[in-house]
Amino acid sequence: MKRLLSGCLLGLLCIAHVRAESARVVAPPAGKLYHGFYWDGVGTDQHDPTEHDVTPEDVARYELAVGKKTAWIYFSDNWFESRKFPAAMCGWIRDLKKVPYIRLMLRSDVDQEHSEKTFSLEKISAGDFDANLRAWAREAKNFGSPILIEWGTEPNGNWFSWNGKWNGGANEGPARYVAAYRHIVDLMRAEGADNLQWVWHVNWLDEPERKWNRFENYFPGESYCDWVALSAYGPTTPTTRDGTESFRFKMQTNHYR
């Protein structure tokens, strides 16, 4: 398997060591665990906070509170807001000596559990957004320094519109996801955006729990995946008691077999 980024709690707890000045994000020293920062806050429409309303001051307060530095800043790039590369956001993250981690969200809104209105998997694969994706990739290339990027977050969860449930179900859904994923990566690599490192990000539990929806069915292939990420959320505040399975249970590899 590829290197693992494990998602948890207020941010992504990430197994990685980042060199902001290098061309790539490198593997961590043995036995070390580093974490990233994610500013939660999903709004109900394009006028509400949508997972990127974070400032350098927010990062500084978080790091002061936990007493640790972060390796990268994770945020959503919502295409219902703009299809342009988020240069300003990436710029101040790099200024903090951190790596931008972009969640590329080709979606029409932040509502969940419905089929996609504009950026469907079939339209992505058919090339309807190639011009936008190529322009985005060129700007990312010009940015120059390392960027972690994911598209199609948690495909084995039925909340996002790229889950198989919304794209043909058991017979076609996962295959359509893989085709769209590869199409996006191929386009951006063709533009020379080699500073992009691709993260394939799944949920710890398949929802629905059906054989066709197992997360491995959405795997795009090793040549399309630099890192693997896993969402495994726990309590969302320090005083919240987690009534679900433990983190250890969620991370046990034999659980997925």
Foldseek 3Di string as FASTA:
>chain_A
DFAEWEQEAQFTWGQFAQQFPDLETHGDDPPDTATEGWDDDPDFWPVGDHGQPDDPVNQVVVCVVVVHHHAEYEGEDEVLVPLAAPLVSQVVRVVVVHAYEYEYEDANTRFWQAAGDPDHLVCLLVCVCLVSLLNNLLVLVVSPTAYEYEYCAALLARGHNLNQVNPPHLPPRLVSLLSSLVSSQVSSVVSVSSSYAYEAHHELAGVVPDPSSQPVSNDNDPVSHNYYYYYDYADNDPPDHGPDDDPVVSPDPVVSD
